[in-house]
C-alpha atoms as a PDB file:
ATOM      1  CA  MET A   1      55.041  98.491 114.552  1.00  0.00           C
ATOM      2  CA  THR A   2      53.876  95.725 116.796  1.00  0.00           C
ATOM      3  CA  THR A   3      50.415  94.606 117.780  1.00  0.00           C
ATOM      4  CA  ALA A   4      51.210  95.529 121.387  1.00  0.00           C
ATOM      5  CA  PHE A   5      51.979  99.119 120.309  1.00  0.00           C
ATOM      6  CA  PHE A   6      48.647  99.402 118.441  1.00  0.00           C
ATOM      7  CA  ALA A   7      46.809  97.954 121.448  1.00  0.00           C
ATOM      8  CA  LEU A   8      48.481 100.500 123.726  1.00  0.00           C
ATOM      9  CA  LEU A   9      47.717 103.366 121.294  1.00  0.00           C
ATOM     10  CA  THR A  10      44.077 102.282 120.941  1.00  0.00           C
ATOM     11  CA  SER A  11      43.735 102.055 124.718  1.00  0.00           C
ATOM     12  CA  ALA A  12      45.188 105.563 125.135  1.00  0.00           C
ATOM     13  CA  ILE A  13      42.867 107.012 122.499  1.00  0.00           C
ATOM     14  CA  LEU A  14      39.801 105.363 124.014  1.00  0.00           C
ATOM     15  CA  SER A  15      40.666 106.734 127.446  1.00  0.00           C
ATOM     16  CA  LEU A  16      40.755 110.359 126.238  1.00  0.00           C
ATOM     17  CA  PRO A  17      37.885 112.457 127.585  1.00  0.00           C
ATOM     18  CA  ALA A  18      34.991 112.904 125.155  1.00  0.00           C
ATOM     19  CA  ASP A  19      33.874 116.353 123.991  1.00  0.00           C
ATOM     20  CA  THR A  20      30.582 115.752 125.775  1.00  0.00           C
ATOM     21  CA  ALA A  21      32.278 114.988 129.090  1.00  0.00           C
ATOM     22  CA  GLU A  22      31.044 117.142 131.928  1.00  0.00           C
ATOM     23  CA  PRO A  23      33.418 120.098 132.365  1.00  0.00           C
ATOM     24  CA  ASP A  24      35.124 120.817 135.674  1.00  0.00           C
ATOM     25  CA  PRO A  25      32.632 122.894 137.728  1.00  0.00           C
ATOM     26  CA  ALA A  26      35.526 125.058 138.964  1.00  0.00           C
ATOM     27  CA  THR A  27      36.057 126.409 135.432  1.00  0.00           C
ATOM     28  CA  ASP A  28      33.939 128.993 133.633  1.00  0.00           C
ATOM     29  CA  LEU A  29      32.850 126.330 131.140  1.00  0.00           C
ATOM     30  CA  GLY A  30      31.677 124.216 134.072  1.00  0.00           C
ATOM     31  CA  ARG A  31      29.794 127.146 135.620  1.00  0.00           C
ATOM     32  CA  LEU A  32      28.110 127.919 132.275  1.00  0.00           C
ATOM     33  CA  GLN A  33      26.501 124.501 131.903  1.00  0.00           C
ATOM     34  CA  GLY A  34      22.723 124.570 131.679  1.00  0.00           C
ATOM     35  CA  THR A  35      20.029 126.796 130.236  1.00  0.00           C
ATOM     36  CA  TRP A  36      20.228 130.578 130.017  1.00  0.00           C
ATOM     37  CA  VAL A  37      17.712 133.151 128.754  1.00  0.00           C
ATOM     38  CA  ALA A  38      17.960 136.734 127.562  1.00  0.00           C
ATOM     39  CA  ARG A  39      16.103 139.430 125.678  1.00  0.00           C
ATOM     40  CA  THR A  40      17.961 141.368 123.036  1.00  0.00           C
ATOM     41  CA  GLY A  41      17.470 143.748 120.139  1.00  0.00           C
ATOM     42  CA  PRO A  42      16.836 147.505 120.188  1.00  0.00           C
ATOM     43  CA  LYS A  43      13.437 147.007 121.869  1.00  0.00           C
ATOM     44  CA  LYS A  44      14.528 143.965 123.943  1.00  0.00           C
ATOM     45  CA  ASN A  45      11.753 141.964 122.284  1.00  0.00           C
ATOM     46  CA  ILE A  46      13.856 139.152 120.823  1.00  0.00           C
ATOM     47  CA  HIS A  47      13.865 136.184 123.211  1.00  0.00           C
ATOM     48  CA  VAL A  48      16.988 134.018 123.276  1.00  0.00           C
ATOM     49  CA  THR A  49      17.473 130.680 125.005  1.00  0.00           C
ATOM     50  CA  LEU A  50      20.999 129.270 125.200  1.00  0.00           C
ATOM     51  CA  GLU A  51      21.648 125.693 126.284  1.00  0.00           C
ATOM     52  CA  LEU A  52      25.222 124.652 127.055  1.00  0.00           C
ATOM     53  CA  THR A  53      26.163 120.991 127.410  1.00  0.00           C
ATOM     54  CA  GLY A  54      29.904 120.451 127.509  1.00  0.00           C
ATOM     55  CA  THR A  55      31.240 122.622 124.702  1.00  0.00           C
ATOM     56  CA  GLN A  56      28.053 122.245 122.674  1.00  0.00           C
ATOM     57  CA  ALA A  57      25.801 125.285 122.446  1.00  0.00           C
ATOM     58  CA  ARG A  58      22.262 125.496 121.138  1.00  0.00           C
ATOM     59  CA  PHE A  59      20.407 128.771 120.591  1.00  0.00           C
ATOM     60  CA  THR A  60      16.666 129.152 120.175  1.00  0.00           C
ATOM     61  CA  ILE A  61      15.709 132.658 119.087  1.00  0.00           C
ATOM     62  CA  LYS A  62      12.079 133.781 119.135  1.00  0.00           C
ATOM     63  CA  MET A  63      11.390 136.902 117.108  1.00  0.00           C
ATOM     64  CA  PRO A  64       8.580 139.384 117.976  1.00  0.00           C
ATOM     65  CA  THR A  65       6.634 138.032 114.977  1.00  0.00           C
ATOM     66  CA  GLY A  66       6.619 134.552 116.547  1.00  0.00           C
ATOM     67  CA  LEU A  67       9.221 133.145 114.147  1.00  0.00           C
ATOM     68  CA  LYS A  68      11.604 130.719 115.877  1.00  0.00           C
ATOM     69  CA  LEU A  69      15.162 130.162 114.707  1.00  0.00           C
ATOM     70  CA  GLN A  70      17.649 127.618 115.978  1.00  0.00           C
ATOM     71  CA  ALA A  71      21.418 127.373 115.680  1.00  0.00           C
ATOM     72  CA  GLU A  72      23.836 124.812 117.082  1.00  0.00           C
ATOM     73  CA  GLY A  73      27.588 124.802 117.392  1.00  0.00           C
ATOM     74  CA  LEU A  74      30.471 124.903 119.818  1.00  0.00           C
ATOM     75  CA  VAL A  75      31.780 127.376 122.347  1.00  0.00           C
ATOM     76  CA  LYS A  76      35.467 127.852 123.064  1.00  0.00           C
ATOM     77  CA  LEU A  77      36.563 129.856 126.128  1.00  0.00           C
ATOM     78  CA  ASP A  78      39.840 131.510 127.068  1.00  0.00           C
ATOM     79  CA  GLU A  79      39.640 132.356 130.786  1.00  0.00           C
ATOM     80  CA  SER A  80      43.198 133.687 130.786  1.00  0.00           C
ATOM     81  CA  ALA A  81      42.437 136.539 128.359  1.00  0.00           C
ATOM     82  CA  SER A  82      41.511 139.987 129.656  1.00  0.00           C
ATOM     83  CA  PRO A  83      38.646 140.445 129.159  1.00  0.00           C
ATOM     84  CA  LYS A  84      37.814 136.742 129.025  1.00  0.00           C
ATOM     85  CA  ALA A  85      37.427 135.530 125.433  1.00  0.00           C
ATOM     86  CA  MET A  86      34.776 133.332 123.878  1.00  0.00           C
ATOM     87  CA  ASP A  87      34.414 132.037 120.340  1.00  0.00           C
ATOM     88  CA  TRP A  88      31.166 130.760 118.852  1.00  0.00           C
ATOM     89  CA  ILE A  89      32.452 128.193 116.329  1.00  0.00           C
ATOM     90  CA  LYS A  90      31.116 125.613 113.868  1.00  0.00           C
ATOM     91  CA  PHE A  91      27.570 126.946 114.138  1.00  0.00           C
ATOM     92  CA  VAL A  92      24.907 125.677 111.801  1.00  0.00           C
ATOM     93  CA  GLY A  93      21.760 127.742 111.496  1.00  0.00           C
ATOM     94  CA  PRO A  94      18.441 127.293 109.739  1.00  0.00           C
ATOM     95  CA  ASP A  95      18.543 125.158 106.590  1.00  0.00           C
ATOM     96  CA  SER A  96      21.897 123.707 107.762  1.00  0.00           C
ATOM     97  CA  HIS A  97      23.628 126.928 106.724  1.00  0.00           C
ATOM     98  CA  GLU A  98      27.114 127.253 108.291  1.00  0.00           C
ATOM     99  CA  LEU A  99      27.742 130.518 110.100  1.00  0.00           C
ATOM    100  CA  PRO A 100      31.130 132.215 110.351  1.00  0.00           C
ATOM    101  CA  GLU A 101      33.059 132.095 113.634  1.00  0.00           C
ATOM    102  CA  ILE A 102      31.981 134.899 115.967  1.00  0.00           C
ATOM    103  CA  PRO A 103      34.555 136.231 118.468  1.00  0.00           C
ATOM    104  CA  ALA A 104      33.240 137.573 121.771  1.00  0.00           C
ATOM    105  CA  ILE A 105      34.159 138.541 125.308  1.00  0.00           C
ATOM    106  CA  TYR A 106      32.278 137.464 128.416  1.00  0.00           C
ATOM    107  CA  ARG A 107      32.002 137.765 132.152  1.00  0.00           C
ATOM    108  CA  LEU A 108      30.149 135.828 134.820  1.00  0.00           C
ATOM    109  CA  GLU A 109      28.261 137.761 137.503  1.00  0.00           C
ATOM    110  CA  GLY A 110      26.580 135.342 139.901  1.00  0.00           C
ATOM    111  CA  GLU A 111      23.627 133.852 138.047  1.00  0.00           C
ATOM    112  CA  SER A 112      24.150 136.225 135.096  1.00  0.00           C
ATOM    113  CA  PHE A 113      26.358 135.709 132.068  1.00  0.00           C
ATOM    114  CA  VAL A 114      27.237 138.803 129.986  1.00  0.00           C
ATOM    115  CA  VAL A 115      28.435 138.379 126.407  1.00  0.00           C
ATOM    116  CA  CYS A 116      29.626 141.015 123.958  1.00  0.00           C
ATOM    117  CA  SER A 117      29.985 139.614 120.458  1.00  0.00           C
ATOM    118  CA  GLY A 118      32.001 141.186 117.688  1.00  0.00           C
ATOM    119  CA  GLY A 119      29.357 140.263 115.129  1.00  0.00           C
ATOM    120  CA  LEU A 120      29.599 138.588 111.756  1.00  0.00           C
ATOM    121  CA  ASN A 121      33.012 138.970 110.137  1.00  0.00           C
ATOM    122  CA  LYS A 122      34.214 141.394 112.817  1.00  0.00           C
ATOM    123  CA  GLY A 123      37.057 141.193 115.310  1.00  0.00           C
ATOM    124  CA  ARG A 124      36.833 140.487 119.013  1.00  0.00           C
ATOM    125  CA  PRO A 125      35.581 143.465 121.042  1.00  0.00           C
ATOM    126  CA  HIS A 126      37.834 144.816 123.795  1.00  0.00           C
ATOM    127  CA  GLU A 127      35.086 146.251 125.998  1.00  0.00           C
ATOM    128  CA  PHE A 128      31.430 145.590 126.736  1.00  0.00           C
ATOM    129  CA  LEU A 129      29.878 148.057 124.276  1.00  0.00           C
ATOM    130  CA  ARG A 130      27.315 147.482 121.542  1.00  0.00           C
ATOM    131  CA  GLY A 131      28.951 147.504 118.117  1.00  0.00           C
ATOM    132  CA  GLU A 132      27.802 148.094 114.577  1.00  0.00           C
ATOM    133  CA  GLY A 133      26.182 145.372 112.530  1.00  0.00           C
ATOM    134  CA  LEU A 134      24.417 142.073 112.948  1.00  0.00           C
ATOM    135  CA  LEU A 135      25.098 140.135 116.187  1.00  0.00           C
ATOM    136  CA  SER A 136      27.397 142.808 117.635  1.00  0.00           C
ATOM    137  CA  ASP A 137      25.624 143.459 120.906  1.00  0.00           C
ATOM    138  CA  VAL A 138      25.962 143.133 124.666  1.00  0.00           C
ATOM    139  CA  VAL A 139      23.563 140.479 125.956  1.00  0.00           C
ATOM    140  CA  THR A 140      22.932 139.521 129.585  1.00  0.00           C
ATOM    141  CA  PHE A 141      21.750 135.958 130.079  1.00  0.00           C
ATOM    142  CA  GLU A 142      20.072 134.793 133.285  1.00  0.00           C
ATOM    143  CA  ARG A 143      20.319 131.173 134.424  1.00  0.00           C
ATOM    144  CA  VAL A 144      17.145 129.100 134.256  1.00  0.00           C
ATOM    145  CA  LYS A 145      16.777 127.086 137.436  1.00  0.00           C
ATOM    146  CA  GLY A 146      15.673 123.488 137.011  1.00  0.00           C
ATOM    147  CA  SER A 147      15.087 121.792 133.691  1.00  0.00           C
ATOM    148  CA  ASP A 148      11.903 123.498 132.469  1.00  0.00           C
ATOM    149  CA  ARG A 149      12.895 124.309 128.868  1.00  0.00           C
ATOM    150  CA  GLN A 150       9.289 125.058 127.875  1.00  0.00           C
ATOM    151  CA  THR A 151       9.118 128.207 129.998  1.00  0.00           C
ATOM    152  CA  ALA A 152      12.736 129.285 129.475  1.00  0.00           C
ATOM    153  CA  VAL A 153      11.892 131.892 126.818  1.00  0.00           C
ATOM    154  CA  ALA A 154       9.115 133.356 128.955  1.00  0.00           C
ATOM    155  CA  LEU A 155      11.558 133.788 131.845  1.00  0.00           C
ATOM    156  CA  ALA A 156      13.939 135.995 129.841  1.00  0.00           C
ATOM    157  CA  PRO A 157      14.677 139.228 131.704  1.00  0.00           C
ATOM    158  CA  ALA A 158      12.692 142.132 130.264  1.00  0.00           C
ATOM    159  CA  ASN A 159      14.853 145.113 131.140  1.00  0.00           C
ATOM    160  CA  ARG A 160      18.418 144.235 130.165  1.00  0.00           C
END
């Protein structure tokens, strides 16, 4: 192999788009960029903030007791699936504990984003119905306008 080949290969690799590159706004991933809030749980008293930057996702979960939990990972979308598919992958939760991949379905409705997760160690749901077990729920996120992360949890919709 020649030096010219390695120079060409290095140039090609360096010109590849980075994972943090801004997604095409015409795609669902592009439309999902930003901060979203929701309330979940049987009494809708668990506040969730989701921040999406590129394929990186960060959750902040505030429990009714005031306890805050954070998890970070990646989101992978399949817009061609019916219903549209989403995978929460490579998530690390509190104490750097790795979480299993969570399959989900989603839909976008204006400034709302509806997700139905299969839960831990479950398959992908086929319809938007609450399932059995931890993290198997239908959650409606509302977009937070602007960049005010401090009030994002307080803005979570109360009756979803």
